[in-house]
Amino acid sequence: MESLKKVTVETTIQAPVEKVWEYWVEPTHIKKWNAASDDWHTPIAENDLRVGGEFRSRMEAKDGSFGFDFGGIYDEVKVHEVIAYTLGDGRKVTITFKGHDNFTKVIEIFDAETENPIEMQQQGWQAILDNFKKYAEQTTR
């Protein structure tokens, strides 16, 4: 199997790492931010956040025209620091959380899939991350 190209997306959120982590991992929050654009949403999110635990989210166009399941199994979980998982198709993803005072940098590195152009994948993942940033900064607990 050829090695897959790794793609990085990142953002800095004006919120402490504890809040950022909670919003990233709790299904009630995931359903509110996990979309690349306003015409998509995530009606189902399940998360068993532990090594060997599974997660799944159902991403759908709001008009019902298209949807897909996104999920995998956790390889590493360090609270407020790192989440790593393997997707259903074998690709790897690592998310690093770097908290400093009232800011948290979130860095996602993922194996690109081979069906779509890498630029398109990077834009899609970055759009979801940007949506997460907006949600985390505007939402109070």
N, C-alpha and C. Protein backbone atom coordinates (compact mmCIF):
# COMPACT_ATOMS: atom_id res chain seq x y z
N MET A 1 0.85 -1.19 0.00
CA MET A 1 0.00 0.00 0.00
C MET A 1 0.89 1.24 0.00
N GLU A 2 0.62 2.15 -0.91
CA GLU A 2 1.42 3.37 -0.97
C GLU A 2 1.11 4.24 0.24
N SER A 3 2.11 4.99 0.66
CA SER A 3 1.87 5.85 1.82
C SER A 3 1.00 7.04 1.40
N LEU A 4 0.07 7.37 2.26
CA LEU A 4 -0.86 8.46 1.96
C LEU A 4 -0.25 9.80 2.35
N LYS A 5 -0.58 10.82 1.60
CA LYS A 5 -0.09 12.16 1.91
C LYS A 5 -0.78 12.68 3.16
N LYS A 6 0.01 13.25 4.05
CA LYS A 6 -0.54 13.82 5.27
C LYS A 6 -0.90 15.29 5.03
N VAL A 7 -2.06 15.68 5.53
CA VAL A 7 -2.56 17.04 5.34
C VAL A 7 -2.77 17.64 6.73
N THR A 8 -2.39 18.91 6.89
CA THR A 8 -2.54 19.58 8.19
C THR A 8 -3.49 20.76 8.07
N VAL A 9 -4.40 20.86 9.05
CA VAL A 9 -5.25 22.04 9.20
C VAL A 9 -5.13 22.46 10.66
N GLU A 10 -5.24 23.76 10.91
CA GLU A 10 -5.10 24.23 12.29
C GLU A 10 -5.83 25.55 12.49
N THR A 11 -6.07 25.83 13.77
CA THR A 11 -6.68 27.10 14.14
C THR A 11 -6.31 27.39 15.59
N THR A 12 -6.43 28.65 15.98
CA THR A 12 -6.25 29.03 17.38
C THR A 12 -7.57 29.59 17.88
N ILE A 13 -8.04 29.03 18.98
CA ILE A 13 -9.34 29.38 19.53
C ILE A 13 -9.15 30.19 20.81
N GLN A 14 -9.91 31.24 20.94
CA GLN A 14 -9.83 32.07 22.13
C GLN A 14 -10.73 31.46 23.21
N ALA A 15 -10.19 30.41 23.83
CA ALA A 15 -10.88 29.70 24.91
C ALA A 15 -9.88 28.76 25.57
N PRO A 16 -10.06 28.48 26.86
CA PRO A 16 -9.14 27.57 27.54
C PRO A 16 -9.28 26.14 27.01
N VAL A 17 -8.21 25.38 27.12
CA VAL A 17 -8.17 24.03 26.56
C VAL A 17 -9.26 23.13 27.13
N GLU A 18 -9.64 23.33 28.39
CA GLU A 18 -10.68 22.48 28.99
C GLU A 18 -12.01 22.63 28.25
N LYS A 19 -12.36 23.86 27.90
CA LYS A 19 -13.61 24.13 27.17
C LYS A 19 -13.50 23.61 25.75
N VAL A 20 -12.38 23.87 25.10
CA VAL A 20 -12.18 23.42 23.73
C VAL A 20 -12.31 21.90 23.65
N TRP A 21 -11.66 21.21 24.59
CA TRP A 21 -11.72 19.75 24.63
C TRP A 21 -13.16 19.26 24.79
N GLU A 22 -13.87 19.83 25.74
CA GLU A 22 -15.26 19.43 26.01
C GLU A 22 -16.11 19.60 24.75
N TYR A 23 -15.98 20.74 24.08
CA TYR A 23 -16.78 21.02 22.89
C TYR A 23 -16.39 20.09 21.73
N TRP A 24 -15.13 19.66 21.71
CA TRP A 24 -14.65 18.78 20.64
C TRP A 24 -15.17 17.35 20.82
N VAL A 25 -15.29 16.89 22.05
CA VAL A 25 -15.57 15.46 22.28
C VAL A 25 -17.00 15.13 22.69
N GLU A 26 -17.78 16.10 23.18
CA GLU A 26 -19.14 15.81 23.64
C GLU A 26 -20.13 15.78 22.47
N PRO A 27 -20.86 14.66 22.28
CA PRO A 27 -21.78 14.55 21.14
C PRO A 27 -22.80 15.69 21.04
N THR A 28 -23.30 16.21 22.17
CA THR A 28 -24.27 17.31 22.10
C THR A 28 -23.64 18.53 21.42
N HIS A 29 -22.35 18.76 21.65
CA HIS A 29 -21.65 19.87 21.00
C HIS A 29 -21.28 19.51 19.56
N ILE A 30 -20.79 18.29 19.34
CA ILE A 30 -20.37 17.87 18.00
C ILE A 30 -21.50 18.11 16.99
N LYS A 31 -22.73 17.81 17.39
CA LYS A 31 -23.87 17.98 16.48
C LYS A 31 -24.06 19.44 16.09
N LYS A 32 -23.57 20.36 16.91
CA LYS A 32 -23.78 21.79 16.64
C LYS A 32 -22.70 22.43 15.77
N TRP A 33 -21.51 21.83 15.69
CA TRP A 33 -20.45 22.46 14.91
C TRP A 33 -19.90 21.62 13.76
N ASN A 34 -20.20 20.34 13.73
CA ASN A 34 -19.55 19.43 12.78
C ASN A 34 -20.15 19.51 11.38
N ALA A 35 -19.86 20.59 10.66
CA ALA A 35 -20.29 20.76 9.28
C ALA A 35 -19.35 21.73 8.59
N ALA A 36 -19.15 21.50 7.29
CA ALA A 36 -18.25 22.37 6.52
C ALA A 36 -18.96 23.62 6.00
N SER A 37 -20.31 23.56 5.94
CA SER A 37 -21.07 24.71 5.46
C SER A 37 -22.45 24.71 6.09
N ASP A 38 -23.15 25.83 5.98
CA ASP A 38 -24.45 25.99 6.64
C ASP A 38 -25.54 25.08 6.08
N ASP A 39 -25.34 24.54 4.88
CA ASP A 39 -26.37 23.66 4.32
C ASP A 39 -26.15 22.19 4.68
N TRP A 40 -25.19 21.94 5.58
CA TRP A 40 -24.94 20.58 6.10
C TRP A 40 -25.15 20.58 7.60
N HIS A 41 -25.38 19.39 8.15
CA HIS A 41 -25.48 19.25 9.60
C HIS A 41 -25.11 17.82 10.01
N THR A 42 -25.01 17.62 11.31
CA THR A 42 -24.69 16.31 11.88
C THR A 42 -25.81 15.92 12.83
N PRO A 43 -26.81 15.16 12.34
CA PRO A 43 -27.94 14.79 13.20
C PRO A 43 -27.61 13.72 14.23
N ILE A 44 -26.57 12.92 13.98
CA ILE A 44 -26.21 11.84 14.92
C ILE A 44 -24.72 11.94 15.23
N ALA A 45 -24.38 11.90 16.51
CA ALA A 45 -22.98 11.84 16.94
C ALA A 45 -22.88 10.92 18.15
N GLU A 46 -21.98 9.96 18.08
CA GLU A 46 -21.73 9.04 19.19
C GLU A 46 -20.23 9.03 19.43
N ASN A 47 -19.82 9.00 20.71
CA ASN A 47 -18.40 9.09 21.00
C ASN A 47 -18.05 8.32 22.26
N ASP A 48 -17.25 7.27 22.11
CA ASP A 48 -16.73 6.49 23.23
C ASP A 48 -15.24 6.81 23.32
N LEU A 49 -14.92 7.91 24.01
CA LEU A 49 -13.58 8.48 23.99
C LEU A 49 -12.63 7.72 24.92
N ARG A 50 -12.05 6.65 24.40
CA ARG A 50 -11.03 5.87 25.12
C ARG A 50 -10.30 5.06 24.07
N VAL A 51 -9.09 4.62 24.38
CA VAL A 51 -8.34 3.80 23.43
C VAL A 51 -9.15 2.54 23.15
N GLY A 52 -9.38 2.27 21.87
CA GLY A 52 -10.20 1.13 21.47
C GLY A 52 -11.67 1.48 21.34
N GLY A 53 -12.06 2.66 21.84
CA GLY A 53 -13.45 3.11 21.74
C GLY A 53 -13.76 3.59 20.33
N GLU A 54 -15.04 3.55 19.98
CA GLU A 54 -15.46 3.96 18.64
C GLU A 54 -16.19 5.30 18.68
N PHE A 55 -16.13 6.00 17.56
CA PHE A 55 -16.93 7.21 17.40
C PHE A 55 -17.60 7.14 16.03
N ARG A 56 -18.72 7.82 15.92
CA ARG A 56 -19.43 7.87 14.65
C ARG A 56 -20.25 9.15 14.61
N SER A 57 -20.24 9.77 13.45
CA SER A 57 -21.15 10.89 13.24
C SER A 57 -21.75 10.74 11.85
N ARG A 58 -23.00 11.13 11.74
CA ARG A 58 -23.71 11.09 10.46
C ARG A 58 -23.77 12.51 9.94
N MET A 59 -23.13 12.75 8.81
CA MET A 59 -23.11 14.08 8.21
C MET A 59 -24.03 14.06 7.01
N GLU A 60 -24.96 15.04 6.96
CA GLU A 60 -25.95 15.06 5.88
C GLU A 60 -26.19 16.48 5.38
N ALA A 61 -26.52 16.56 4.10
CA ALA A 61 -27.02 17.83 3.56
C ALA A 61 -28.38 18.07 4.20
N LYS A 62 -28.66 19.30 4.59
CA LYS A 62 -29.93 19.60 5.27
C LYS A 62 -31.15 19.31 4.39
N ASP A 63 -30.95 19.34 3.07
CA ASP A 63 -32.08 19.04 2.18
C ASP A 63 -32.26 17.54 1.95
N GLY A 64 -31.41 16.73 2.59
CA GLY A 64 -31.53 15.29 2.50
C GLY A 64 -30.98 14.67 1.22
N SER A 65 -30.34 15.47 0.38
CA SER A 65 -29.88 14.98 -0.92
C SER A 65 -28.67 14.05 -0.82
N PHE A 66 -27.88 14.17 0.25
CA PHE A 66 -26.66 13.38 0.36
C PHE A 66 -26.26 13.30 1.82
N GLY A 67 -25.59 12.21 2.18
CA GLY A 67 -25.08 12.07 3.53
C GLY A 67 -24.10 10.92 3.62
N PHE A 68 -23.32 10.91 4.67
CA PHE A 68 -22.38 9.81 4.87
C PHE A 68 -22.05 9.67 6.35
N ASP A 69 -21.59 8.48 6.70
CA ASP A 69 -21.13 8.22 8.07
C ASP A 69 -19.64 8.46 8.14
N PHE A 70 -19.20 9.08 9.23
CA PHE A 70 -17.79 9.34 9.47
C PHE A 70 -17.47 8.72 10.82
N GLY A 71 -16.51 7.81 10.85
CA GLY A 71 -16.23 7.19 12.14
C GLY A 71 -14.93 6.42 12.13
N GLY A 72 -14.58 5.94 13.33
CA GLY A 72 -13.35 5.19 13.46
C GLY A 72 -13.15 4.71 14.89
N ILE A 73 -11.93 4.29 15.16
CA ILE A 73 -11.56 3.74 16.47
C ILE A 73 -10.37 4.52 17.02
N TYR A 74 -10.45 4.87 18.29
CA TYR A 74 -9.38 5.65 18.94
C TYR A 74 -8.13 4.81 19.19
N ASP A 75 -6.97 5.38 18.81
CA ASP A 75 -5.67 4.76 19.05
C ASP A 75 -4.97 5.37 20.26
N GLU A 76 -5.24 6.64 20.51
CA GLU A 76 -4.59 7.35 21.63
C GLU A 76 -5.52 8.45 22.11
N VAL A 77 -5.61 8.58 23.44
CA VAL A 77 -6.39 9.66 24.04
C VAL A 77 -5.61 10.16 25.25
N LYS A 78 -5.16 11.42 25.18
CA LYS A 78 -4.53 12.09 26.33
C LYS A 78 -5.36 13.33 26.58
N VAL A 79 -6.09 13.35 27.68
CA VAL A 79 -7.04 14.43 27.95
C VAL A 79 -6.36 15.80 27.86
N HIS A 80 -7.00 16.70 27.13
CA HIS A 80 -6.57 18.08 26.90
C HIS A 80 -5.28 18.17 26.08
N GLU A 81 -4.82 17.03 25.48
CA GLU A 81 -3.57 17.05 24.72
C GLU A 81 -3.67 16.46 23.32
N VAL A 82 -4.04 15.18 23.24
CA VAL A 82 -3.98 14.48 21.95
C VAL A 82 -5.15 13.50 21.80
N ILE A 83 -5.68 13.45 20.59
CA ILE A 83 -6.62 12.40 20.20
C ILE A 83 -6.10 11.86 18.87
N ALA A 84 -5.92 10.54 18.79
CA ALA A 84 -5.52 9.92 17.52
C ALA A 84 -6.48 8.78 17.25
N TYR A 85 -6.85 8.64 15.97
CA TYR A 85 -7.75 7.55 15.61
C TYR A 85 -7.49 7.04 14.22
N THR A 86 -8.06 5.86 13.94
CA THR A 86 -8.01 5.26 12.62
C THR A 86 -9.42 5.25 12.07
N LEU A 87 -9.58 5.80 10.88
CA LEU A 87 -10.89 5.82 10.22
C LEU A 87 -11.24 4.43 9.70
N GLY A 88 -12.50 4.25 9.34
CA GLY A 88 -12.97 2.97 8.84
C GLY A 88 -12.20 2.46 7.63
N ASP A 89 -11.65 3.37 6.82
CA ASP A 89 -10.90 2.96 5.63
C ASP A 89 -9.40 2.81 5.90
N GLY A 90 -9.00 2.90 7.19
CA GLY A 90 -7.60 2.68 7.55
C GLY A 90 -6.75 3.94 7.62
N ARG A 91 -7.30 5.08 7.22
CA ARG A 91 -6.51 6.32 7.30
C ARG A 91 -6.38 6.77 8.75
N LYS A 92 -5.28 7.44 9.05
CA LYS A 92 -4.98 7.90 10.41
C LYS A 92 -5.22 9.39 10.54
N VAL A 93 -5.66 9.79 11.75
CA VAL A 93 -5.88 11.20 12.06
C VAL A 93 -5.31 11.45 13.46
N THR A 94 -4.59 12.57 13.63
CA THR A 94 -4.09 12.98 14.94
C THR A 94 -4.50 14.43 15.17
N ILE A 95 -5.08 14.68 16.33
CA ILE A 95 -5.47 16.04 16.71
C ILE A 95 -4.70 16.40 17.97
N THR A 96 -4.01 17.54 17.92
CA THR A 96 -3.23 18.00 19.07
C THR A 96 -3.86 19.28 19.60
N PHE A 97 -4.00 19.35 20.92
CA PHE A 97 -4.56 20.53 21.59
C PHE A 97 -3.43 21.16 22.41
N LYS A 98 -3.12 22.42 22.14
CA LYS A 98 -2.06 23.11 22.88
C LYS A 98 -2.66 24.33 23.56
N GLY A 99 -2.95 24.19 24.85
CA GLY A 99 -3.54 25.28 25.60
C GLY A 99 -2.49 26.19 26.19
N HIS A 100 -2.75 27.49 26.13
CA HIS A 100 -1.87 28.49 26.75
C HIS A 100 -2.75 29.65 27.19
N ASP A 101 -2.86 29.83 28.50
CA ASP A 101 -3.73 30.85 29.05
C ASP A 101 -5.16 30.67 28.51
N ASN A 102 -5.70 31.69 27.86
CA ASN A 102 -7.08 31.62 27.38
C ASN A 102 -7.14 31.31 25.88
N PHE A 103 -6.09 30.69 25.35
CA PHE A 103 -6.05 30.32 23.94
C PHE A 103 -5.71 28.85 23.81
N THR A 104 -6.27 28.22 22.78
CA THR A 104 -5.95 26.82 22.49
C THR A 104 -5.71 26.67 21.00
N LYS A 105 -4.55 26.13 20.67
CA LYS A 105 -4.25 25.83 19.27
C LYS A 105 -4.67 24.38 19.03
N VAL A 106 -5.44 24.18 17.96
CA VAL A 106 -5.88 22.83 17.57
C VAL A 106 -5.25 22.53 16.22
N ILE A 107 -4.48 21.43 16.17
CA ILE A 107 -3.80 21.02 14.95
C ILE A 107 -4.29 19.63 14.58
N GLU A 108 -4.84 19.50 13.39
CA GLU A 108 -5.30 18.20 12.88
C GLU A 108 -4.41 17.78 11.73
N ILE A 109 -3.90 16.56 11.81
CA ILE A 109 -3.12 15.99 10.70
C ILE A 109 -3.83 14.72 10.27
N PHE A 110 -4.18 14.65 9.00
CA PHE A 110 -4.91 13.47 8.52
C PHE A 110 -4.31 12.93 7.23
N ASP A 111 -4.47 11.61 7.03
CA ASP A 111 -4.07 10.98 5.78
C ASP A 111 -5.12 11.34 4.73
N ALA A 112 -4.66 11.88 3.61
CA ALA A 112 -5.58 12.22 2.53
C ALA A 112 -6.11 10.95 1.89
N GLU A 113 -7.38 11.00 1.46
CA GLU A 113 -7.90 9.87 0.69
C GLU A 113 -7.54 10.11 -0.77
N THR A 114 -7.74 9.11 -1.61
CA THR A 114 -7.25 9.20 -2.99
C THR A 114 -8.33 9.57 -4.00
N GLU A 115 -9.59 9.73 -3.56
CA GLU A 115 -10.68 10.00 -4.50
C GLU A 115 -10.81 11.48 -4.87
N ASN A 116 -10.52 12.36 -3.94
CA ASN A 116 -10.70 13.79 -4.17
C ASN A 116 -9.36 14.52 -4.11
N PRO A 117 -9.24 15.66 -4.82
CA PRO A 117 -8.00 16.43 -4.77
C PRO A 117 -7.65 16.82 -3.33
N ILE A 118 -6.36 16.81 -3.02
CA ILE A 118 -5.91 17.13 -1.67
C ILE A 118 -6.35 18.52 -1.25
N GLU A 119 -6.31 19.50 -2.16
CA GLU A 119 -6.71 20.87 -1.83
C GLU A 119 -8.18 20.89 -1.37
N MET A 120 -9.01 20.10 -2.04
CA MET A 120 -10.43 20.04 -1.68
C MET A 120 -10.61 19.44 -0.28
N GLN A 121 -9.86 18.38 0.01
CA GLN A 121 -9.94 17.75 1.33
C GLN A 121 -9.47 18.73 2.41
N GLN A 122 -8.36 19.41 2.14
CA GLN A 122 -7.84 20.37 3.12
C GLN A 122 -8.85 21.48 3.37
N GLN A 123 -9.47 21.99 2.31
CA GLN A 123 -10.47 23.06 2.46
C GLN A 123 -11.67 22.58 3.26
N GLY A 124 -12.12 21.36 3.02
CA GLY A 124 -13.26 20.80 3.74
C GLY A 124 -12.98 20.63 5.23
N TRP A 125 -11.83 20.04 5.54
CA TRP A 125 -11.46 19.84 6.95
C TRP A 125 -11.23 21.19 7.64
N GLN A 126 -10.62 22.14 6.92
CA GLN A 126 -10.39 23.46 7.51
C GLN A 126 -11.72 24.17 7.75
N ALA A 127 -12.67 24.01 6.85
CA ALA A 127 -13.98 24.66 7.01
C ALA A 127 -14.68 24.13 8.27
N ILE A 128 -14.58 22.82 8.51
CA ILE A 128 -15.18 22.24 9.72
C ILE A 128 -14.46 22.78 10.96
N LEU A 129 -13.13 22.86 10.90
CA LEU A 129 -12.36 23.38 12.02
C LEU A 129 -12.70 24.85 12.27
N ASP A 130 -12.87 25.62 11.22
CA ASP A 130 -13.25 27.03 11.36
C ASP A 130 -14.63 27.15 12.00
N ASN A 131 -15.53 26.26 11.62
CA ASN A 131 -16.87 26.24 12.20
C ASN A 131 -16.80 25.90 13.69
N PHE A 132 -15.91 24.96 14.03
CA PHE A 132 -15.70 24.61 15.43
C PHE A 132 -15.18 25.82 16.22
N LYS A 133 -14.21 26.53 15.66
CA LYS A 133 -13.66 27.73 16.31
C LYS A 133 -14.76 28.74 16.60
N LYS A 134 -15.58 29.00 15.58
CA LYS A 134 -16.68 29.96 15.73
C LYS A 134 -17.63 29.50 16.85
N TYR A 135 -17.99 28.23 16.84
CA TYR A 135 -18.91 27.68 17.85
C TYR A 135 -18.28 27.80 19.26
N ALA A 136 -17.03 27.37 19.39
CA ALA A 136 -16.38 27.38 20.71
C ALA A 136 -16.21 28.79 21.27
N GLU A 137 -15.95 29.76 20.40
CA GLU A 137 -15.74 31.13 20.88
C GLU A 137 -17.06 31.83 21.18
N GLN A 138 -18.14 31.44 20.51
CA GLN A 138 -19.41 32.15 20.70
C GLN A 138 -20.31 31.50 21.74
N THR A 139 -20.03 30.26 22.11
CA THR A 139 -20.91 29.52 23.00
C THR A 139 -20.35 29.57 24.43
N THR A 140 -21.22 29.90 25.36
CA THR A 140 -20.81 29.82 26.77
C THR A 140 -21.43 28.55 27.34
N ARG A 141 -20.75 27.99 28.30
CA ARG A 141 -21.21 26.70 28.86
C ARG A 141 -22.58 26.81 29.48
